[in-house]
Amino acid sequence: SAQIADLQQKLLDADNGDRAKQRWDSIATILEAKCALKYLLGELVSSKVQESKLQSSLKQSQASCSDMQKVLTEERNHIAELEAEFQNQILVQEQQHQEKV
């Protein structure tokens, strides 16, 4: 039964592919060609709109990434300054301790 179901699915897939090809091959009138052209142009427009939205989203993401990189660099610099200050304080305290000893 599994093999039969698999074969039936393959037949359905093959029919769907053939139907689409037959549909385009069977355009015989100007009206059918106009309808097909209208459909294709509609798909083209929706694809262009989607591409535009994706491009805009990509640009926003790139700008956000750039901002985050700047913030990260600033934070790293701040941490380096704090670390240097901390090391300075340790040296001062060690010197004070040595003087006390």
Protein backbone atom coordinates (compact mmCIF):
# COMPACT_ATOMS: atom_id res chain seq x y z
CA SER A 1 0.00 0.00 0.00
CA ALA A 2 2.94 2.32 0.67
CA GLN A 3 4.30 1.65 -2.81
CA ILE A 4 0.88 2.24 -4.35
CA ALA A 5 0.51 5.53 -2.47
CA ASP A 6 4.01 6.55 -3.60
CA LEU A 7 3.21 5.72 -7.23
CA GLN A 8 -0.09 7.61 -7.02
CA GLN A 9 1.71 10.66 -5.64
CA LYS A 10 4.27 10.47 -8.46
CA LEU A 11 1.45 10.31 -11.01
CA LEU A 12 -0.25 13.34 -9.45
CA ASP A 13 3.02 15.29 -9.49
CA ALA A 14 3.62 14.36 -13.13
CA ASP A 15 0.04 15.36 -14.04
CA ASN A 16 0.43 18.74 -12.34
CA GLY A 17 3.65 19.45 -14.24
CA ASP A 18 2.08 18.34 -17.52
CA ARG A 19 -1.07 20.37 -16.88
CA ALA A 20 0.89 23.57 -16.43
CA LYS A 21 2.81 22.91 -19.63
CA GLN A 22 -0.37 21.97 -21.49
CA ARG A 23 -2.10 25.08 -20.22
CA TRP A 24 0.60 27.30 -21.74
CA ASP A 25 0.83 25.20 -24.89
CA SER A 26 -2.92 25.27 -25.40
CA ILE A 27 -3.22 29.07 -25.60
CA ALA A 28 -4.93 29.47 -28.91
CA THR A 29 -6.82 32.76 -28.82
CA ILE A 30 -5.84 36.35 -28.29
CA LEU A 31 -8.14 36.50 -25.26
CA GLU A 32 -6.33 33.59 -23.62
CA ALA A 33 -2.98 35.18 -24.44
CA LYS A 34 -4.15 38.48 -22.92
CA CYS A 35 -5.25 36.70 -19.76
CA ALA A 36 -1.95 34.86 -19.52
CA LEU A 37 -0.01 38.05 -20.12
CA LYS A 38 -2.07 39.89 -17.52
CA TYR A 39 -1.38 37.14 -15.00
CA LEU A 40 2.35 37.17 -15.75
CA LEU A 41 2.53 40.96 -15.45
CA GLY A 42 0.71 40.76 -12.13
CA GLU A 43 3.25 38.21 -10.91
CA LEU A 44 6.07 40.43 -12.14
CA VAL A 45 4.70 43.45 -10.29
CA SER A 46 4.25 41.51 -7.05
CA SER A 47 7.78 40.13 -7.41
CA LYS A 48 9.18 43.64 -7.92
CA VAL A 49 7.27 44.92 -4.88
CA GLN A 50 8.57 42.05 -2.79
CA GLU A 51 12.12 42.65 -4.04
CA SER A 52 11.83 46.33 -3.13
CA LYS A 53 10.63 45.48 0.37
CA LEU A 54 13.45 42.99 0.82
CA GLN A 55 16.02 45.53 -0.42
CA SER A 56 14.69 48.09 2.04
CA SER A 57 14.79 45.57 4.86
CA LEU A 58 18.35 44.64 3.92
CA LYS A 59 19.45 48.29 3.97
CA GLN A 60 17.84 48.79 7.37
CA SER A 61 19.52 45.67 8.70
CA GLN A 62 22.89 46.81 7.36
CA ALA A 63 22.47 50.23 8.99
CA SER A 64 21.48 48.59 12.25
CA CYS A 65 24.48 46.28 12.05
CA SER A 66 26.78 49.22 11.41
CA ASP A 67 25.35 51.06 14.42
CA MET A 68 25.80 48.00 16.60
CA GLN A 69 29.40 47.65 15.47
CA LYS A 70 30.05 51.28 16.42
CA VAL A 71 28.49 50.73 19.85
CA LEU A 72 30.54 47.56 20.31
CA THR A 73 33.75 49.40 19.41
CA GLU A 74 32.92 52.20 21.82
CA GLU A 75 32.19 49.70 24.60
CA ARG A 76 35.45 47.87 23.96
CA ASN A 77 37.35 51.17 24.16
CA HIS A 78 35.55 52.03 27.38
CA ILE A 79 36.41 48.64 28.85
CA ALA A 80 40.05 49.10 27.84
CA GLU A 81 40.10 52.50 29.57
CA LEU A 82 38.53 51.05 32.72
CA GLU A 83 41.00 48.19 32.69
CA ALA A 84 43.94 50.59 32.37
CA GLU A 85 42.56 52.69 35.21
CA PHE A 86 42.07 49.59 37.34
CA GLN A 87 45.65 48.47 36.66
CA ASN A 88 46.82 51.96 37.61
CA GLN A 89 44.92 51.76 40.89
CA ILE A 90 46.44 48.35 41.63
CA LEU A 91 49.94 49.75 41.07
CA VAL A 92 49.24 52.73 43.33
CA GLN A 93 47.91 50.47 46.07
CA GLU A 94 50.86 48.12 45.72
CA GLN A 95 53.24 51.07 46.04
CA GLN A 96 51.37 52.33 49.09
CA HIS A 97 51.48 48.89 50.59
CA GLN A 98 55.24 48.63 49.92
CA GLU A 99 55.75 52.02 51.56
CA LYS A 100 53.79 50.91 54.63
CA VAL A 101 55.80 47.69 54.85
